[in-house]
Amino acid sequence: MLFKPLYVYYRTLGPRGRAVLFQLPLSVTMLLVTALTLVLHPVLDLSATFLSSLGVHLFLLVACALVPWGRLPAQAVLVIPVLDCLAIGVTREAADQYLTVLGFLLVFPVVWLASDGRRSGVLIGVFATILSAILPPVMLGTGVDGPDFIRIVLLPIILGAVALTTSGIVNALSLQRQQLEAQSCEVRDLLAASEDRERLLQTVMDTVSVGVCAIDDQGRVSLMNHHLSSHLGRTITGVPTPEDHKELPVYGADRKHPLPIDRHPASRAARGESFTDELIWSGNGTGQRAYSATSRLIQDSRGKHRGAVLAFTDVTELVEALSAKDQFVSSVSHELRTPLTSILGYLDLALDEEDLDPEMEFYLTVAKRNGERLLHLVGDLLTIASDALTIEPRDADLTEVVRHSVQAAQPKAAAAGITLELLPRGAATGYFDPDRLGQAVDNLVSNAIKYTPSGGTVTVKVGASGNELRCEVADTGVGMNEEELDQAFTRFFRAANAHSSTIPGAGLGLAITRSIMENHRGHVALSSSPGEGTTAVLTLPAAGIDVDWNQQHISEML
């Protein structure tokens, strides 16, 4: 750190500035040593030759500052340290015995030559050292004695080692600097690319009309798009504080009771919960808005939870439209049921008349059959439009429930030329609503008969398996493709072959069946292939359902 400012300053200098920076320490040290020697030994004899050599050092310092080295070859400046070696040799040779230490100053020009980084610099440094030991005695006529020979041998070796060490250090530092510069360029490129990706991500997020935010594992928001910040702000983003929760509550599906902090979408996501399309309400009074909340978890390379991405879709208009549709269907169904019941009653009275004309009896029977179909459809509409199904669980045997459904459907199957068989596997006792389960089984058996051509077979299996009760209805009918299977439980959906073959129905049976099973903590599954038939499986726990759980589940469905 101490030399960093000097290095930065050195990098800003031109060729002349660098030459002065190399030469200045030698010149200053030379004058400082001479001055200190004069202070310590005032009677020191300074010869004219010694003073002239000092003038040479000053001349070389001036030359470093004045010569336009930038216009000359890069190696031209090395003539200065070579002349420094010769000047030091002359100074040492002409000096008094007290100033022979000036020979150590050869380190300065040798380091300068070696810092060039080339091998030639080291060789020139060794050669200049030898010249500094040989030429001065010859130039001054002092002759070469025994110590001079020792100096000629040892000095190049010592300074050559210094030159090699300096060259190695300079090369290593240069290589390290190049590597650091390359890494710095790479980091800058990565940073620029990262900033570009961040801008792209932010642009994409701001483009979508869905509120999106990212939170860490502590629930702190790290990224939020414009749609979310402008429409929701801190209402449903980030784990709320008790003050925020009191000031800006988030409600559940019932729109009345604020969600506890630990059930807030951000709190659940921060804990590592993943969920899809959960309905929440934000705001108060007539300004309440409905949002569909979805959470997806963020994991690091080791699979550790690091946060989550939350998406909030405004579904207020959709929820209100569905509510209006259900209210409309419910109102119309109620209005239809009363006159239909009256019509069917009068038809029964007409059919009970004695000596009824056979043709008239046929007409009345057709009218009653279609009236009953219409009343059944109205009942389905009322069921599907109601806020929740009423479940009245009690001890019952699913095998008996299924047996009654199969017996009731036998006439219809026989009339269509279809074999309907029941394969019970013993008693299947449990705690459930037998009327609702009978309704679910009736729907599956009715569908199987409707979609199976004459000569086909419908097989019903029922029994207990471990802690579950299971009913399976399999047919050899027309079957469904993958797309139709995905839509099978959607209200009012009917497969294409149902429309083409004018099979009666409103597309509500499977939706009602799934609702019944979900209220029993069970489920219904379908498997099918075109032309190979369909298999529907009802599964529910054998243990009794908790009424409190059932009420809670109903509330969650609202």
Protein backbone atom coordinates (compact mmCIF):
# COMPACT_ATOMS: atom_id res chain seq x y z
CA MET A 1 0.00 0.00 0.00
CA LEU A 2 2.95 2.35 0.71
CA PHE A 3 4.27 2.22 -2.85
CA LYS A 4 0.89 2.18 -4.59
CA PRO A 5 0.65 6.00 -4.97
CA LEU A 6 4.23 6.07 -6.28
CA TYR A 7 3.46 3.27 -8.75
CA VAL A 8 0.33 5.07 -9.95
CA TYR A 9 2.36 8.27 -10.35
CA TYR A 10 5.11 6.38 -12.21
CA ARG A 11 2.53 4.96 -14.68
CA THR A 12 1.44 8.50 -15.54
CA LEU A 13 4.99 9.70 -16.36
CA GLY A 14 6.47 9.89 -19.83
CA PRO A 15 9.95 8.63 -20.83
CA ARG A 16 11.74 11.74 -19.49
CA GLY A 17 9.87 11.69 -16.19
CA ARG A 18 10.73 8.03 -15.66
CA ALA A 19 14.38 8.65 -16.49
CA VAL A 20 14.51 11.47 -13.91
CA LEU A 21 12.75 9.26 -11.35
CA PHE A 22 15.45 6.56 -11.80
CA GLN A 23 18.37 9.01 -11.80
CA LEU A 24 17.29 11.28 -8.95
CA PRO A 25 17.86 8.81 -6.05
CA LEU A 26 21.45 8.18 -7.19
CA SER A 27 22.29 11.87 -7.51
CA VAL A 28 20.67 12.77 -4.19
CA THR A 29 22.39 9.88 -2.39
CA MET A 30 25.75 10.80 -3.90
CA LEU A 31 25.50 14.41 -2.68
CA LEU A 32 24.09 13.37 0.70
CA VAL A 33 26.94 10.91 1.37
CA THR A 34 29.53 13.51 0.38
CA ALA A 35 27.92 16.16 2.59
CA LEU A 36 27.72 13.84 5.60
CA THR A 37 31.35 12.85 5.15
CA LEU A 38 32.38 16.53 5.11
CA VAL A 39 30.39 17.11 8.29
CA LEU A 40 31.96 14.15 10.04
CA HIS A 41 35.48 14.77 8.63
CA PRO A 42 35.93 18.49 7.87
CA VAL A 43 39.57 18.14 6.77
CA LEU A 44 38.54 15.82 3.94
CA ASP A 45 40.61 16.38 0.81
CA LEU A 46 38.33 16.79 -2.22
CA SER A 47 40.32 16.64 -5.43
CA ALA A 48 39.42 18.38 -8.65
CA THR A 49 38.77 14.99 -10.27
CA PHE A 50 36.32 14.08 -7.51
CA LEU A 51 34.46 17.36 -7.89
CA SER A 52 34.39 16.88 -11.67
CA SER A 53 32.84 13.43 -11.23
CA LEU A 54 30.14 14.95 -9.06
CA GLY A 55 29.50 17.43 -11.86
CA VAL A 56 29.10 14.48 -14.24
CA HIS A 57 26.36 13.05 -12.01
CA LEU A 58 24.54 16.35 -12.03
CA PHE A 59 24.99 16.55 -15.81
CA LEU A 60 23.44 13.11 -16.23
CA LEU A 61 20.48 14.18 -14.06
CA VAL A 62 19.96 17.25 -16.24
CA ALA A 63 20.29 15.11 -19.39
CA CYS A 64 17.53 12.82 -18.10
CA ALA A 65 15.23 15.83 -17.81
CA LEU A 66 16.13 17.56 -21.07
CA VAL A 67 16.73 14.83 -23.66
CA PRO A 68 13.48 13.95 -25.58
CA TRP A 69 13.70 10.23 -24.87
CA GLY A 70 10.26 9.64 -26.36
CA ARG A 71 11.60 10.42 -29.83
CA LEU A 72 14.55 8.05 -29.45
CA PRO A 73 14.56 4.24 -29.43
CA ALA A 74 13.27 2.74 -26.18
CA GLN A 75 16.73 1.34 -25.28
CA ALA A 76 18.51 4.66 -25.79
CA VAL A 77 17.83 5.82 -22.22
CA LEU A 78 19.92 2.90 -20.89
CA VAL A 79 23.04 4.82 -21.81
CA ILE A 80 22.44 6.91 -18.67
CA PRO A 81 22.86 4.04 -16.14
CA VAL A 82 25.91 2.80 -18.08
CA LEU A 83 27.50 6.27 -17.79
CA ASP A 84 26.42 6.29 -14.13
CA CYS A 85 28.51 3.16 -13.54
CA LEU A 86 31.57 4.78 -15.12
CA ALA A 87 31.00 8.05 -13.18
CA ILE A 88 30.66 6.11 -9.89
CA GLY A 89 33.89 4.25 -10.65
CA VAL A 90 35.72 7.54 -11.28
CA THR A 91 34.21 9.11 -8.13
CA ARG A 92 35.26 6.16 -6.03
CA GLU A 93 38.78 6.10 -7.52
CA ALA A 94 39.30 9.89 -7.06
CA ALA A 95 37.80 10.03 -3.58
CA ASP A 96 39.51 9.93 -0.27
CA GLN A 97 39.60 6.66 1.59
CA TYR A 98 36.58 7.82 3.59
CA LEU A 99 34.46 7.93 0.46
CA THR A 100 35.20 4.50 -0.97
CA VAL A 101 31.68 3.51 0.17
CA LEU A 102 30.47 5.39 -2.87
CA GLY A 103 31.11 2.18 -4.80
CA PHE A 104 27.94 0.72 -3.26
CA LEU A 105 25.98 3.23 -5.28
CA LEU A 106 26.53 0.98 -8.31
CA VAL A 107 23.39 -0.77 -7.13
CA PHE A 108 21.25 2.13 -8.45
CA PRO A 109 22.29 1.97 -12.14
CA VAL A 110 22.42 -1.85 -12.07
CA VAL A 111 18.83 -2.01 -10.74
CA TRP A 112 17.82 0.51 -13.41
CA LEU A 113 19.31 -1.64 -16.16
CA ALA A 114 17.82 -4.85 -14.74
CA SER A 115 14.35 -3.30 -14.30
CA ASP A 116 14.06 -3.16 -18.08
CA GLY A 117 12.92 -6.78 -17.79
CA ARG A 118 15.11 -8.06 -20.61
CA ARG A 119 18.10 -10.33 -20.26
CA SER A 120 20.14 -7.79 -22.16
CA GLY A 121 19.65 -5.37 -19.29
CA VAL A 122 21.23 -7.82 -16.85
CA LEU A 123 24.19 -8.42 -19.18
CA ILE A 124 24.68 -4.68 -19.73
CA GLY A 125 24.57 -4.14 -15.96
CA VAL A 126 27.29 -6.76 -15.37
CA PHE A 127 29.38 -5.33 -18.24
CA ALA A 128 29.02 -1.76 -16.90
CA THR A 129 30.09 -2.96 -13.43
CA ILE A 130 33.26 -4.48 -14.88
CA LEU A 131 33.99 -1.26 -16.77
CA SER A 132 33.51 0.76 -13.55
CA ALA A 133 36.26 -1.31 -11.93
CA ILE A 134 38.73 -1.34 -14.86
CA LEU A 135 38.48 1.99 -16.71
CA PRO A 136 38.79 4.54 -13.83
CA PRO A 137 42.27 3.35 -12.71
CA VAL A 138 43.38 3.39 -16.32
CA MET A 139 41.85 6.85 -16.99
CA LEU A 140 43.31 8.38 -13.80
CA GLY A 141 46.68 6.59 -14.11
CA THR A 142 46.46 5.14 -10.59
CA GLY A 143 47.11 1.62 -11.82
CA VAL A 144 45.48 -1.66 -10.85
CA ASP A 145 46.62 -3.31 -7.63
CA GLY A 146 45.52 -6.44 -5.74
CA PRO A 147 42.32 -5.00 -4.25
CA ASP A 148 41.35 -3.77 -7.69
CA PHE A 149 41.59 -7.30 -9.08
CA ILE A 150 39.42 -8.57 -6.26
CA ARG A 151 36.93 -5.80 -6.98
CA ILE A 152 36.96 -6.65 -10.69
CA VAL A 153 36.05 -10.29 -9.89
CA LEU A 154 33.68 -9.96 -6.95
CA LEU A 155 31.80 -6.79 -7.84
CA PRO A 156 30.31 -8.12 -11.12
CA ILE A 157 29.29 -11.34 -9.36
CA ILE A 158 27.53 -9.54 -6.51
CA LEU A 159 25.87 -6.92 -8.66
CA GLY A 160 25.05 -9.52 -11.31
CA ALA A 161 23.12 -11.45 -8.64
CA VAL A 162 21.35 -8.21 -7.69
CA ALA A 163 20.56 -7.60 -11.38
CA LEU A 164 19.18 -11.13 -11.84
CA THR A 165 17.07 -10.83 -8.71
CA THR A 166 15.76 -7.44 -9.77
CA SER A 167 14.97 -8.70 -13.27
CA GLY A 168 13.12 -11.72 -11.87
CA ILE A 169 11.08 -9.60 -9.49
CA VAL A 170 10.26 -7.07 -12.23
CA ASN A 171 9.19 -9.85 -14.63
CA ALA A 172 7.09 -11.53 -11.94
CA LEU A 173 5.43 -8.25 -11.01
CA SER A 174 4.85 -7.45 -14.67
CA LEU A 175 3.26 -10.86 -15.25
CA GLN A 176 1.12 -10.45 -12.14
CA ARG A 177 0.08 -6.99 -13.27
CA GLN A 178 -0.91 -8.33 -16.70
CA GLN A 179 -2.93 -11.10 -15.07
CA LEU A 180 -4.62 -8.62 -12.76
CA GLU A 181 -5.41 -6.33 -15.68
CA ALA A 182 -6.82 -9.28 -17.64
CA GLN A 183 -8.92 -10.30 -14.64
CA SER A 184 -10.00 -6.72 -14.16
CA CYS A 185 -11.13 -6.56 -17.79
CA GLU A 186 -12.97 -9.84 -17.37
CA VAL A 187 -14.65 -8.60 -14.20
CA ARG A 188 -15.66 -5.37 -15.95
CA ASP A 189 -17.09 -7.38 -18.86
CA LEU A 190 -18.98 -9.65 -16.46
CA LEU A 191 -20.25 -6.65 -14.52
CA ALA A 192 -21.41 -4.98 -17.73
CA ALA A 193 -23.11 -8.20 -18.86
CA SER A 194 -24.70 -8.55 -15.43
CA GLU A 195 -26.00 -5.00 -15.58
CA ASP A 196 -27.36 -5.65 -19.08
CA ARG A 197 -29.14 -8.79 -17.86
CA GLU A 198 -30.49 -6.93 -14.85
CA ARG A 199 -31.85 -4.17 -17.07
CA LEU A 200 -33.36 -6.77 -19.41
CA LEU A 201 -34.94 -8.62 -16.46
CA GLN A 202 -36.33 -5.40 -15.03
CA THR A 203 -37.70 -4.40 -18.43
CA VAL A 204 -39.37 -7.79 -18.86
CA MET A 205 -40.81 -7.64 -15.35
CA ASP A 206 -42.09 -4.10 -15.88
CA THR A 207 -43.70 -5.17 -19.17
CA VAL A 208 -45.95 -7.88 -17.72
CA SER A 209 -49.25 -6.91 -16.13
CA VAL A 210 -48.69 -9.26 -13.19
CA GLY A 211 -47.16 -8.06 -9.93
CA VAL A 212 -43.85 -9.88 -9.37
CA CYS A 213 -41.34 -9.61 -6.52
CA ALA A 214 -38.40 -11.62 -5.22
CA ILE A 215 -37.73 -12.05 -1.49
CA ASP A 216 -34.85 -13.59 0.44
CA ASP A 217 -35.18 -16.27 3.11
CA GLN A 218 -35.81 -13.53 5.70
CA GLY A 219 -38.75 -12.14 3.73
CA ARG A 220 -36.95 -8.96 2.60
CA VAL A 221 -37.88 -7.77 -0.89
CA SER A 222 -34.86 -7.79 -3.22
CA LEU A 223 -36.62 -7.14 -6.53
CA MET A 224 -40.03 -5.77 -7.47
CA ASN A 225 -41.55 -4.80 -10.79
CA HIS A 226 -43.30 -1.51 -11.46
CA HIS A 227 -46.78 -3.02 -11.62
CA LEU A 228 -46.51 -4.41 -8.10
CA SER A 229 -44.91 -1.31 -6.55
CA SER A 230 -47.43 1.07 -8.13
CA HIS A 231 -50.57 -0.96 -7.40
CA LEU A 232 -49.82 -2.86 -4.21
CA GLY A 233 -46.65 -1.39 -2.68
CA ARG A 234 -46.07 -2.84 0.77
CA THR A 235 -49.63 -4.18 1.11
CA ILE A 236 -48.90 -7.78 0.18
CA THR A 237 -45.15 -7.80 -0.53
CA GLY A 238 -42.54 -8.69 2.05
CA VAL A 239 -43.16 -10.16 5.49
CA PRO A 240 -45.32 -7.54 7.25
CA THR A 241 -44.54 -6.08 10.65
CA PRO A 242 -47.32 -6.12 13.25
CA GLU A 243 -47.89 -2.41 12.57
CA ASP A 244 -48.11 -2.92 8.80
CA HIS A 245 -50.36 -5.92 9.28
CA LYS A 246 -52.74 -3.86 11.41
CA GLU A 247 -52.70 -0.89 9.06
CA LEU A 248 -52.80 -2.83 5.76
CA PRO A 249 -54.42 -6.22 6.43
CA VAL A 250 -54.59 -9.01 3.88
CA TYR A 251 -57.75 -11.12 3.96
CA GLY A 252 -58.40 -14.73 3.11
CA ALA A 253 -60.96 -16.02 0.66
CA ASP A 254 -63.84 -15.06 2.98
CA ARG A 255 -62.89 -11.34 2.67
CA LYS A 256 -63.73 -10.84 6.36
CA HIS A 257 -60.96 -12.26 8.57
CA PRO A 258 -57.40 -10.91 8.16
CA LEU A 259 -54.80 -13.56 7.55
CA PRO A 260 -52.40 -14.15 10.49
CA ILE A 261 -48.87 -12.92 9.81
CA ASP A 262 -47.60 -16.49 9.53
CA ARG A 263 -50.22 -17.18 6.80
CA HIS A 264 -49.29 -14.07 4.81
CA PRO A 265 -48.08 -15.10 1.31
CA ALA A 266 -44.64 -13.54 1.87
CA SER A 267 -44.27 -15.24 5.27
CA ARG A 268 -45.11 -18.62 3.78
CA ALA A 269 -42.76 -18.11 0.84
CA ALA A 270 -39.93 -17.03 3.18
CA ARG A 271 -40.41 -20.26 5.15
CA GLY A 272 -39.98 -22.27 1.96
CA GLU A 273 -43.62 -22.95 1.02
CA SER A 274 -44.56 -23.21 -2.63
CA PHE A 275 -48.18 -22.62 -3.63
CA THR A 276 -50.22 -21.82 -6.74
CA ASP A 277 -53.23 -19.56 -7.39
CA GLU A 278 -54.27 -18.96 -3.79
CA LEU A 279 -56.99 -16.34 -3.47
CA ILE A 280 -56.38 -13.37 -1.17
CA TRP A 281 -58.03 -9.97 -0.78
CA SER A 282 -56.33 -6.64 -0.18
CA GLY A 283 -57.95 -3.41 0.95
CA ASN A 284 -61.13 -2.58 2.80
CA GLY A 285 -64.76 -1.94 1.96
CA THR A 286 -65.73 -1.46 -1.65
CA GLY A 287 -62.08 -0.92 -2.58
CA GLN A 288 -61.09 -4.54 -1.89
CA ARG A 289 -59.21 -6.27 -4.69
CA ALA A 290 -58.80 -10.01 -5.24
CA TYR A 291 -55.39 -11.44 -6.10
CA SER A 292 -54.26 -14.88 -7.13
CA ALA A 293 -50.95 -15.50 -5.28
CA THR A 294 -48.31 -17.93 -6.52
CA SER A 295 -44.94 -18.75 -4.93
CA ARG A 296 -41.93 -20.51 -6.43
CA LEU A 297 -38.81 -21.18 -4.36
CA ILE A 298 -35.23 -20.08 -5.10
CA GLN A 299 -32.48 -22.57 -4.26
CA ASP A 300 -28.70 -22.31 -4.42
CA SER A 301 -26.37 -24.85 -6.07
CA ARG A 302 -26.56 -27.05 -2.96
CA GLY A 303 -30.35 -27.07 -2.95
CA LYS A 304 -30.60 -24.79 0.10
CA HIS A 305 -33.56 -22.42 0.31
CA ARG A 306 -32.48 -18.86 -0.50
CA GLY A 307 -35.79 -17.10 -1.07
CA ALA A 308 -38.78 -17.13 -3.36
CA VAL A 309 -40.48 -15.36 -6.26
CA LEU A 310 -44.04 -14.21 -5.66
CA ALA A 311 -46.54 -13.37 -8.39
CA PHE A 312 -49.83 -11.57 -7.75
CA THR A 313 -52.50 -11.51 -10.46
CA ASP A 314 -55.47 -9.19 -10.07
CA VAL A 315 -58.53 -11.45 -10.48
CA THR A 316 -61.14 -9.13 -8.99
CA GLU A 317 -63.18 -8.88 -12.20
CA LEU A 318 -62.95 -12.65 -12.74
CA VAL A 319 -64.08 -13.44 -9.19
CA GLU A 320 -66.95 -10.98 -9.45
CA ALA A 321 -67.96 -12.41 -12.83
CA LEU A 322 -67.94 -15.97 -11.46
CA SER A 323 -69.95 -14.86 -8.45
CA ALA A 324 -72.46 -13.13 -10.69
CA LYS A 325 -72.68 -16.21 -12.90
CA ASP A 326 -73.25 -18.51 -9.90
CA GLN A 327 -75.91 -16.19 -8.53
CA PHE A 328 -77.61 -16.09 -11.90
CA VAL A 329 -77.53 -19.88 -12.28
CA SER A 330 -78.79 -20.32 -8.73
CA SER A 331 -81.64 -17.84 -9.23
CA VAL A 332 -82.70 -19.33 -12.56
CA SER A 333 -82.48 -22.87 -11.16
CA HIS A 334 -84.66 -21.97 -8.18
CA GLU A 335 -87.17 -20.34 -10.48
CA LEU A 336 -87.24 -23.43 -12.70
CA ARG A 337 -87.50 -26.01 -9.94
CA THR A 338 -90.90 -24.88 -8.62
CA PRO A 339 -92.81 -25.09 -11.95
CA LEU A 340 -91.00 -28.31 -12.90
CA THR A 341 -92.03 -29.97 -9.67
CA SER A 342 -95.61 -28.91 -10.31
CA ILE A 343 -95.50 -30.18 -13.91
CA LEU A 344 -94.12 -33.56 -12.83
CA GLY A 345 -96.79 -33.81 -10.14
CA TYR A 346 -99.61 -33.21 -12.61
CA LEU A 347 -98.02 -35.67 -15.07
CA ASP A 348 -98.03 -38.34 -12.33
CA LEU A 349 -101.70 -37.61 -11.68
CA ALA A 350 -102.48 -37.90 -15.38
CA LEU A 351 -100.65 -41.21 -15.67
CA ASP A 352 -102.59 -42.57 -12.69
CA GLU A 353 -105.88 -42.12 -14.54
CA GLU A 354 -107.68 -45.36 -15.41
CA ASP A 355 -108.51 -46.30 -18.99
CA LEU A 356 -105.83 -43.97 -20.25
CA ASP A 357 -105.40 -44.04 -24.01
CA PRO A 358 -102.11 -45.91 -24.81
CA GLU A 359 -100.97 -43.24 -27.21
CA MET A 360 -101.69 -40.50 -24.66
CA GLU A 361 -99.90 -42.59 -21.98
CA PHE A 362 -96.84 -42.77 -24.25
CA TYR A 363 -96.87 -39.00 -24.74
CA LEU A 364 -97.23 -38.36 -21.04
CA THR A 365 -94.43 -40.83 -20.22
CA VAL A 366 -92.07 -39.06 -22.66
CA ALA A 367 -92.99 -35.71 -21.15
CA LYS A 368 -92.38 -37.03 -17.62
CA ARG A 369 -89.03 -38.56 -18.58
CA ASN A 370 -87.81 -35.32 -20.10
CA GLY A 371 -89.20 -33.34 -17.18
CA GLU A 372 -87.25 -35.55 -14.77
CA ARG A 373 -84.12 -35.00 -16.86
CA LEU A 374 -84.68 -31.26 -16.71
CA LEU A 375 -85.29 -31.41 -12.95
CA HIS A 376 -82.08 -33.43 -12.52
CA LEU A 377 -80.21 -30.80 -14.54
CA VAL A 378 -81.67 -28.04 -12.38
CA GLY A 379 -80.56 -29.93 -9.29
CA ASP A 380 -77.03 -30.18 -10.69
CA LEU A 381 -77.00 -26.47 -11.44
CA LEU A 382 -78.09 -25.67 -7.90
CA THR A 383 -75.43 -27.97 -6.48
CA ILE A 384 -72.61 -26.55 -8.56
CA ALA A 385 -73.69 -22.96 -7.96
CA SER A 386 -74.02 -23.33 -4.18
CA ASP A 387 -71.25 -21.96 -1.99
CA ALA A 388 -70.46 -25.40 -0.59
CA LEU A 389 -71.84 -28.90 -0.38
CA THR A 390 -73.49 -29.92 2.85
CA ILE A 391 -71.80 -33.04 4.21
CA GLU A 392 -73.50 -35.10 6.90
CA PRO A 393 -71.07 -37.93 7.69
CA ARG A 394 -72.09 -41.06 9.56
CA ASP A 395 -71.04 -44.71 9.77
CA ALA A 396 -71.79 -46.39 6.46
CA ASP A 397 -70.66 -49.15 4.10
CA LEU A 398 -69.39 -47.95 0.72
CA THR A 399 -70.03 -51.39 -0.77
CA GLU A 400 -73.75 -51.07 -0.03
CA VAL A 401 -73.82 -47.52 -1.38
CA VAL A 402 -72.25 -48.68 -4.64
CA ARG A 403 -74.53 -51.72 -4.81
CA HIS A 404 -77.61 -49.48 -4.67
CA SER A 405 -76.20 -47.21 -7.42
CA VAL A 406 -75.49 -50.21 -9.67
CA GLN A 407 -78.95 -51.68 -9.09
CA ALA A 408 -80.56 -48.34 -9.92
CA ALA A 409 -78.57 -48.10 -13.17
CA GLN A 410 -79.23 -51.69 -14.34
CA PRO A 411 -82.43 -50.87 -16.31
CA LYS A 412 -80.70 -48.02 -18.15
CA ALA A 413 -77.68 -50.26 -18.96
CA ALA A 414 -79.91 -53.11 -20.16
CA ALA A 415 -81.89 -50.77 -22.38
CA ALA A 416 -78.63 -49.59 -23.99
CA GLY A 417 -77.37 -53.17 -24.50
CA ILE A 418 -74.51 -52.71 -22.01
CA THR A 419 -73.34 -55.24 -19.42
CA LEU A 420 -73.11 -53.61 -15.98
CA GLU A 421 -71.38 -55.74 -13.37
CA LEU A 422 -70.41 -55.16 -9.73
CA LEU A 423 -67.30 -56.79 -8.25
CA PRO A 424 -67.31 -56.10 -4.49
CA ARG A 425 -64.30 -56.97 -2.37
CA GLY A 426 -66.03 -57.31 0.95
CA ALA A 427 -67.31 -54.63 3.26
CA ALA A 428 -65.87 -51.10 2.96
CA THR A 429 -67.06 -49.41 6.13
CA GLY A 430 -66.14 -45.87 7.01
CA TYR A 431 -67.42 -42.53 8.26
CA PHE A 432 -68.84 -40.51 5.38
CA ASP A 433 -72.02 -39.11 3.87
CA PRO A 434 -73.59 -42.09 2.03
CA ASP A 435 -76.06 -39.87 0.15
CA ARG A 436 -73.29 -37.67 -1.26
CA LEU A 437 -71.05 -40.65 -2.06
CA GLY A 438 -74.04 -42.33 -3.74
CA GLN A 439 -74.46 -39.19 -5.84
CA ALA A 440 -70.79 -39.33 -6.85
CA VAL A 441 -70.99 -43.02 -7.80
CA ASP A 442 -74.25 -42.38 -9.71
CA ASN A 443 -72.48 -39.71 -11.76
CA LEU A 444 -69.59 -42.03 -12.67
CA VAL A 445 -71.79 -45.00 -13.52
CA SER A 446 -74.14 -42.79 -15.56
CA ASN A 447 -71.22 -41.34 -17.53
CA ALA A 448 -69.79 -44.81 -18.17
CA ILE A 449 -73.12 -46.05 -19.56
CA LYS A 450 -73.67 -42.93 -21.69
CA TYR A 451 -70.25 -43.12 -23.32
CA THR A 452 -70.16 -46.91 -23.89
CA PRO A 453 -71.65 -48.22 -27.14
CA SER A 454 -74.06 -51.13 -27.28
CA GLY A 455 -72.36 -54.45 -26.54
CA GLY A 456 -69.84 -52.83 -24.21
CA THR A 457 -69.16 -53.48 -20.54
CA VAL A 458 -69.11 -51.30 -17.44
CA THR A 459 -67.33 -52.83 -14.45
CA VAL A 460 -67.65 -51.41 -10.93
CA LYS A 461 -65.21 -52.50 -8.20
CA VAL A 462 -65.45 -51.47 -4.56
CA GLY A 463 -63.56 -52.35 -1.41
CA ALA A 464 -61.19 -51.25 1.33
CA SER A 465 -57.43 -50.98 0.90
CA GLY A 466 -55.46 -50.23 4.05
CA ASN A 467 -56.77 -46.98 5.50
CA GLU A 468 -58.64 -46.03 2.34
CA LEU A 469 -61.96 -46.83 0.73
CA ARG A 470 -61.82 -47.24 -3.03
CA CYS A 471 -64.38 -47.42 -5.83
CA GLU A 472 -63.40 -47.97 -9.45
CA VAL A 473 -65.69 -47.59 -12.48
CA ALA A 474 -64.22 -48.82 -15.77
CA ASP A 475 -65.91 -48.87 -19.16
CA THR A 476 -65.07 -49.98 -22.71
CA GLY A 477 -66.42 -46.79 -24.25
CA VAL A 478 -65.09 -44.14 -26.59
CA GLY A 479 -62.45 -42.80 -24.17
CA MET A 480 -60.79 -39.36 -24.09
CA ASN A 481 -57.55 -37.83 -25.31
CA GLU A 482 -55.02 -35.96 -23.13
CA GLU A 483 -56.53 -32.54 -23.81
CA GLU A 484 -60.02 -33.73 -22.87
CA LEU A 485 -58.70 -35.38 -19.70
CA ASP A 486 -57.19 -32.07 -18.60
CA GLN A 487 -60.59 -30.37 -18.99
CA ALA A 488 -62.77 -33.23 -17.71
CA PHE A 489 -63.44 -31.67 -14.28
CA THR A 490 -64.18 -28.21 -15.67
CA ARG A 491 -67.76 -27.08 -15.25
CA PHE A 492 -69.93 -27.46 -18.37
CA PHE A 493 -67.11 -29.15 -20.32
CA ARG A 494 -68.12 -31.95 -22.66
CA ALA A 495 -65.87 -34.04 -24.89
CA ALA A 496 -66.09 -33.63 -28.65
CA ASN A 497 -67.56 -37.10 -29.18
CA ALA A 498 -70.38 -36.21 -26.76
CA HIS A 499 -71.41 -33.31 -28.98
CA SER A 500 -71.06 -35.28 -32.21
CA SER A 501 -73.09 -38.24 -30.93
CA THR A 502 -75.76 -36.08 -29.19
CA ILE A 503 -75.10 -37.77 -25.83
CA PRO A 504 -77.27 -35.96 -23.24
CA GLY A 505 -75.69 -34.07 -20.37
CA ALA A 506 -74.61 -30.64 -19.17
CA GLY A 507 -70.99 -31.36 -18.23
CA LEU A 508 -71.53 -30.95 -14.48
CA GLY A 509 -71.35 -34.54 -13.18
CA LEU A 510 -67.57 -34.80 -12.78
CA ALA A 511 -67.29 -31.29 -11.30
CA ILE A 512 -69.88 -32.23 -8.66
CA THR A 513 -68.16 -35.56 -8.03
CA ARG A 514 -64.81 -33.90 -7.41
CA SER A 515 -66.41 -31.38 -5.05
CA ILE A 516 -68.01 -34.23 -3.07
CA MET A 517 -64.72 -36.12 -2.82
CA GLU A 518 -62.73 -33.04 -1.78
CA ASN A 519 -65.22 -32.39 1.01
CA HIS A 520 -64.50 -35.94 2.22
CA ARG A 521 -60.70 -35.34 2.07
CA GLY A 522 -60.63 -37.78 -0.83
CA HIS A 523 -60.00 -37.44 -4.52
CA VAL A 524 -61.16 -38.67 -7.91
CA ALA A 525 -58.79 -39.63 -10.72
CA LEU A 526 -59.37 -40.39 -14.40
CA SER A 527 -57.35 -42.41 -16.89
CA SER A 528 -58.38 -42.89 -20.48
CA SER A 529 -57.28 -43.50 -24.05
CA PRO A 530 -59.29 -42.79 -27.20
CA GLY A 531 -61.20 -45.90 -28.29
CA GLU A 532 -60.11 -47.92 -25.25
CA GLY A 533 -62.48 -46.70 -22.57
CA THR A 534 -62.15 -44.72 -19.34
CA THR A 535 -61.44 -45.65 -15.74
CA ALA A 536 -62.53 -43.42 -12.84
CA VAL A 537 -61.30 -44.09 -9.29
CA LEU A 538 -62.78 -42.64 -6.10
CA THR A 539 -60.58 -42.74 -3.00
CA LEU A 540 -61.39 -41.46 0.48
CA PRO A 541 -60.00 -42.09 3.99
CA ALA A 542 -61.74 -44.83 5.97
CA ALA A 543 -61.46 -42.77 9.18
CA GLY A 544 -64.20 -40.28 9.88
CA ILE A 545 -63.78 -36.76 8.51
CA ASP A 546 -63.45 -33.95 11.03
CA VAL A 547 -66.45 -31.62 10.88
CA ASP A 548 -64.21 -28.67 11.86
CA TRP A 549 -61.84 -29.57 9.04
CA ASN A 550 -64.76 -29.79 6.67
CA GLN A 551 -65.98 -26.31 7.61
CA GLN A 552 -62.45 -24.94 7.26
CA HIS A 553 -62.10 -26.60 3.86
CA ILE A 554 -65.42 -25.08 2.78
CA SER A 555 -64.20 -21.64 3.83
CA GLU A 556 -61.01 -22.08 1.82
CA MET A 557 -63.06 -22.91 -1.26
CA LEU A 558 -65.10 -19.70 -1.08
